[in-house]
Amino acid sequence: MLTFDDCLKVCCLTDAEIDAIAEHENLPEMVALELANYLVQTPDGRLRIRRMILDDIAAAAAHGNAAHALVLKATLKHFIDTHPENPRA
């Protein structure tokens, strides 16, 4: 049986990136991991992941949760740095 960590290693994303997708889509972590694994393999999907994290940052800021917004900003930076085909704008 595969564990979450086994699947995460195959996905090429971090736990924080999966958490951001789960938060944005209101999904259980394992379902978010499956979605992320699909999305990260396509250019449009990588743009969607980037947009999800940006939306999460905006939502955290709107709710006055600066600490969570900061964590999400670091998550976005890591995502962009590790997927250089992503546009920065």
N, C-alpha and C. Protein backbone atom coordinates (compact mmCIF):
# COMPACT_ATOMS: atom_id res chain seq x y z
N MET A 1 0.84 -1.18 0.00
CA MET A 1 0.00 0.00 0.00
C MET A 1 0.89 1.25 0.00
N LEU A 2 0.56 2.18 -0.84
CA LEU A 2 1.30 3.43 -0.91
C LEU A 2 0.83 4.39 0.17
N THR A 3 1.79 5.07 0.76
CA THR A 3 1.46 6.09 1.77
C THR A 3 1.41 7.45 1.10
N PHE A 4 0.95 8.43 1.85
CA PHE A 4 0.94 9.81 1.36
C PHE A 4 2.36 10.23 0.99
N ASP A 5 3.33 9.92 1.85
CA ASP A 5 4.73 10.30 1.58
C ASP A 5 5.26 9.64 0.32
N ASP A 6 4.90 8.39 0.07
CA ASP A 6 5.30 7.72 -1.16
C ASP A 6 4.77 8.47 -2.37
N CYS A 7 3.53 8.84 -2.32
CA CYS A 7 2.90 9.57 -3.44
C CYS A 7 3.50 10.96 -3.59
N LEU A 8 3.81 11.59 -2.48
CA LEU A 8 4.40 12.94 -2.51
C LEU A 8 5.75 12.92 -3.22
N LYS A 9 6.55 11.90 -3.00
CA LYS A 9 7.86 11.79 -3.65
C LYS A 9 7.72 11.70 -5.16
N VAL A 10 6.69 11.06 -5.63
CA VAL A 10 6.46 10.91 -7.07
C VAL A 10 5.95 12.21 -7.69
N CYS A 11 5.27 13.01 -6.91
CA CYS A 11 4.57 14.20 -7.40
C CYS A 11 5.48 15.37 -7.74
N CYS A 12 6.64 15.46 -7.15
CA CYS A 12 7.57 16.58 -7.40
C CYS A 12 7.08 17.90 -6.82
N LEU A 13 6.22 17.84 -5.84
CA LEU A 13 5.78 19.04 -5.12
C LEU A 13 6.03 18.81 -3.64
N THR A 14 6.02 19.90 -2.89
CA THR A 14 6.24 19.80 -1.45
C THR A 14 4.91 19.63 -0.72
N ASP A 15 5.03 19.24 0.52
CA ASP A 15 3.85 19.12 1.38
C ASP A 15 3.13 20.46 1.49
N ALA A 16 3.90 21.55 1.57
CA ALA A 16 3.29 22.89 1.67
C ALA A 16 2.52 23.24 0.40
N GLU A 17 3.04 22.85 -0.75
CA GLU A 17 2.35 23.12 -2.01
C GLU A 17 1.06 22.31 -2.10
N ILE A 18 1.10 21.07 -1.64
CA ILE A 18 -0.11 20.24 -1.61
C ILE A 18 -1.12 20.84 -0.64
N ASP A 19 -0.64 21.30 0.51
CA ASP A 19 -1.53 21.92 1.49
C ASP A 19 -2.23 23.15 0.91
N ALA A 20 -1.49 23.95 0.13
CA ALA A 20 -2.08 25.14 -0.49
C ALA A 20 -3.17 24.75 -1.48
N ILE A 21 -2.94 23.71 -2.25
CA ILE A 21 -3.95 23.23 -3.20
C ILE A 21 -5.17 22.69 -2.45
N ALA A 22 -4.91 21.93 -1.40
CA ALA A 22 -6.01 21.39 -0.58
C ALA A 22 -6.84 22.52 0.02
N GLU A 23 -6.16 23.56 0.50
CA GLU A 23 -6.85 24.72 1.08
C GLU A 23 -7.70 25.42 0.02
N HIS A 24 -7.10 25.66 -1.13
CA HIS A 24 -7.80 26.38 -2.19
C HIS A 24 -9.02 25.62 -2.70
N GLU A 25 -8.86 24.34 -2.90
CA GLU A 25 -9.92 23.53 -3.49
C GLU A 25 -10.82 22.88 -2.44
N ASN A 26 -10.49 23.09 -1.16
CA ASN A 26 -11.26 22.50 -0.06
C ASN A 26 -11.35 20.97 -0.22
N LEU A 27 -10.16 20.38 -0.39
CA LEU A 27 -10.05 18.93 -0.61
C LEU A 27 -9.26 18.28 0.50
N PRO A 28 -9.50 17.01 0.74
CA PRO A 28 -8.60 16.27 1.63
C PRO A 28 -7.19 16.25 1.02
N GLU A 29 -6.20 16.14 1.88
CA GLU A 29 -4.81 16.21 1.43
C GLU A 29 -4.48 15.18 0.34
N MET A 30 -4.95 13.97 0.48
CA MET A 30 -4.63 12.92 -0.50
C MET A 30 -5.27 13.23 -1.86
N VAL A 31 -6.46 13.74 -1.87
CA VAL A 31 -7.13 14.10 -3.13
C VAL A 31 -6.40 15.29 -3.77
N ALA A 32 -5.98 16.24 -2.94
CA ALA A 32 -5.21 17.38 -3.45
C ALA A 32 -3.89 16.91 -4.05
N LEU A 33 -3.28 15.91 -3.45
CA LEU A 33 -2.05 15.35 -3.98
C LEU A 33 -2.29 14.73 -5.36
N GLU A 34 -3.36 14.02 -5.52
CA GLU A 34 -3.70 13.43 -6.82
C GLU A 34 -3.93 14.52 -7.87
N LEU A 35 -4.67 15.56 -7.49
CA LEU A 35 -4.91 16.68 -8.40
C LEU A 35 -3.59 17.36 -8.76
N ALA A 36 -2.76 17.60 -7.77
CA ALA A 36 -1.48 18.27 -8.00
C ALA A 36 -0.59 17.46 -8.92
N ASN A 37 -0.57 16.15 -8.73
CA ASN A 37 0.25 15.29 -9.58
C ASN A 37 -0.18 15.40 -11.04
N TYR A 38 -1.46 15.51 -11.26
CA TYR A 38 -1.97 15.70 -12.63
C TYR A 38 -1.58 17.09 -13.15
N LEU A 39 -1.86 18.12 -12.35
CA LEU A 39 -1.66 19.49 -12.80
C LEU A 39 -0.19 19.83 -13.07
N VAL A 40 0.70 19.34 -12.23
CA VAL A 40 2.12 19.72 -12.36
C VAL A 40 2.73 19.19 -13.65
N GLN A 41 2.08 18.27 -14.30
CA GLN A 41 2.61 17.69 -15.54
C GLN A 41 2.24 18.48 -16.79
N THR A 42 1.44 19.52 -16.64
CA THR A 42 1.02 20.29 -17.80
C THR A 42 1.32 21.78 -17.59
N PRO A 43 1.64 22.50 -18.66
CA PRO A 43 1.90 23.94 -18.51
C PRO A 43 0.70 24.69 -17.92
N ASP A 44 -0.48 24.40 -18.41
CA ASP A 44 -1.67 25.07 -17.88
C ASP A 44 -1.90 24.69 -16.42
N GLY A 45 -1.61 23.46 -16.08
CA GLY A 45 -1.77 22.99 -14.71
C GLY A 45 -0.83 23.70 -13.76
N ARG A 46 0.42 23.89 -14.18
CA ARG A 46 1.37 24.61 -13.34
C ARG A 46 0.92 26.04 -13.13
N LEU A 47 0.35 26.65 -14.15
CA LEU A 47 -0.20 28.00 -13.99
C LEU A 47 -1.39 27.99 -13.02
N ARG A 48 -2.20 26.95 -13.08
CA ARG A 48 -3.34 26.84 -12.15
C ARG A 48 -2.86 26.69 -10.71
N ILE A 49 -1.81 25.90 -10.50
CA ILE A 49 -1.27 25.75 -9.14
C ILE A 49 -0.77 27.10 -8.64
N ARG A 50 -0.05 27.81 -9.48
CA ARG A 50 0.45 29.14 -9.12
C ARG A 50 -0.71 30.06 -8.74
N ARG A 51 -1.76 30.02 -9.53
CA ARG A 51 -2.94 30.87 -9.26
C ARG A 51 -3.61 30.47 -7.95
N MET A 52 -3.69 29.19 -7.67
CA MET A 52 -4.29 28.73 -6.42
C MET A 52 -3.52 29.28 -5.22
N ILE A 53 -2.19 29.21 -5.31
CA ILE A 53 -1.38 29.71 -4.19
C ILE A 53 -1.55 31.22 -4.05
N LEU A 54 -1.59 31.93 -5.17
CA LEU A 54 -1.82 33.38 -5.12
C LEU A 54 -3.18 33.70 -4.49
N ASP A 55 -4.20 32.94 -4.86
CA ASP A 55 -5.53 33.13 -4.26
C ASP A 55 -5.51 32.88 -2.77
N ASP A 56 -4.78 31.83 -2.35
CA ASP A 56 -4.67 31.52 -0.92
C ASP A 56 -3.98 32.66 -0.17
N ILE A 57 -2.95 33.25 -0.78
CA ILE A 57 -2.25 34.38 -0.16
C ILE A 57 -3.21 35.54 0.02
N ALA A 58 -3.99 35.84 -1.01
CA ALA A 58 -4.95 36.94 -0.94
C ALA A 58 -6.01 36.68 0.13
N ALA A 59 -6.48 35.44 0.22
CA ALA A 59 -7.50 35.10 1.22
C ALA A 59 -6.94 35.22 2.63
N ALA A 60 -5.71 34.76 2.83
CA ALA A 60 -5.09 34.87 4.16
C ALA A 60 -4.91 36.33 4.54
N ALA A 61 -4.47 37.15 3.60
CA ALA A 61 -4.29 38.58 3.88
C ALA A 61 -5.63 39.25 4.17
N ALA A 62 -6.64 38.89 3.42
CA ALA A 62 -7.98 39.47 3.62
C ALA A 62 -8.56 39.12 4.98
N HIS A 63 -8.17 37.98 5.52
CA HIS A 63 -8.64 37.55 6.83
C HIS A 63 -7.70 37.99 7.95
N GLY A 64 -6.70 38.80 7.60
CA GLY A 64 -5.78 39.31 8.60
C GLY A 64 -4.79 38.29 9.12
N ASN A 65 -4.60 37.20 8.39
CA ASN A 65 -3.68 36.15 8.82
C ASN A 65 -2.34 36.33 8.11
N ALA A 66 -1.58 37.32 8.58
CA ALA A 66 -0.31 37.66 7.95
C ALA A 66 0.70 36.52 8.03
N ALA A 67 0.69 35.78 9.12
CA ALA A 67 1.64 34.67 9.28
C ALA A 67 1.39 33.60 8.22
N HIS A 68 0.13 33.26 7.99
CA HIS A 68 -0.19 32.25 6.99
C HIS A 68 0.12 32.77 5.58
N ALA A 69 -0.15 34.05 5.35
CA ALA A 69 0.17 34.64 4.04
C ALA A 69 1.67 34.57 3.78
N LEU A 70 2.47 34.78 4.81
CA LEU A 70 3.92 34.72 4.67
C LEU A 70 4.38 33.30 4.33
N VAL A 71 3.79 32.30 5.00
CA VAL A 71 4.11 30.91 4.69
C VAL A 71 3.74 30.59 3.24
N LEU A 72 2.58 31.07 2.81
CA LEU A 72 2.14 30.82 1.44
C LEU A 72 3.03 31.54 0.42
N LYS A 73 3.53 32.72 0.76
CA LYS A 73 4.45 33.42 -0.14
C LYS A 73 5.74 32.62 -0.31
N ALA A 74 6.23 32.05 0.78
CA ALA A 74 7.42 31.20 0.69
C ALA A 74 7.13 29.95 -0.14
N THR A 75 5.93 29.42 0.01
CA THR A 75 5.51 28.26 -0.78
C THR A 75 5.47 28.61 -2.26
N LEU A 76 4.92 29.77 -2.58
CA LEU A 76 4.87 30.22 -3.98
C LEU A 76 6.27 30.42 -4.54
N LYS A 77 7.15 31.04 -3.76
CA LYS A 77 8.52 31.25 -4.23
C LYS A 77 9.19 29.90 -4.53
N HIS A 78 9.03 28.96 -3.63
CA HIS A 78 9.63 27.64 -3.85
C HIS A 78 9.04 26.98 -5.10
N PHE A 79 7.73 27.08 -5.27
CA PHE A 79 7.09 26.49 -6.44
C PHE A 79 7.65 27.09 -7.73
N ILE A 80 7.78 28.40 -7.77
CA ILE A 80 8.29 29.07 -8.97
C ILE A 80 9.77 28.72 -9.18
N ASP A 81 10.54 28.69 -8.09
CA ASP A 81 11.96 28.37 -8.21
C ASP A 81 12.20 26.93 -8.69
N THR A 82 11.35 26.01 -8.29
CA THR A 82 11.55 24.61 -8.65
C THR A 82 10.84 24.21 -9.94
N HIS A 83 10.05 25.11 -10.45
CA HIS A 83 9.39 24.89 -11.75
C HIS A 83 9.68 26.12 -12.62
N PRO A 84 10.93 26.21 -13.10
CA PRO A 84 11.38 27.44 -13.79
C PRO A 84 10.61 27.76 -15.06
N GLU A 85 9.86 26.82 -15.58
CA GLU A 85 9.06 27.09 -16.77
C GLU A 85 7.86 27.97 -16.44
N ASN A 86 7.62 28.22 -15.14
CA ASN A 86 6.52 29.09 -14.74
C ASN A 86 6.89 30.55 -14.96
N PRO A 87 5.98 31.34 -15.48
CA PRO A 87 6.25 32.76 -15.57
C PRO A 87 6.16 33.40 -14.18
N ARG A 88 6.94 34.42 -13.95
CA ARG A 88 6.96 35.09 -12.65
C ARG A 88 5.85 36.13 -12.53
N ALA A 89 5.32 36.56 -13.61
CA ALA A 89 4.29 37.62 -13.55
C ALA A 89 2.94 37.09 -13.19
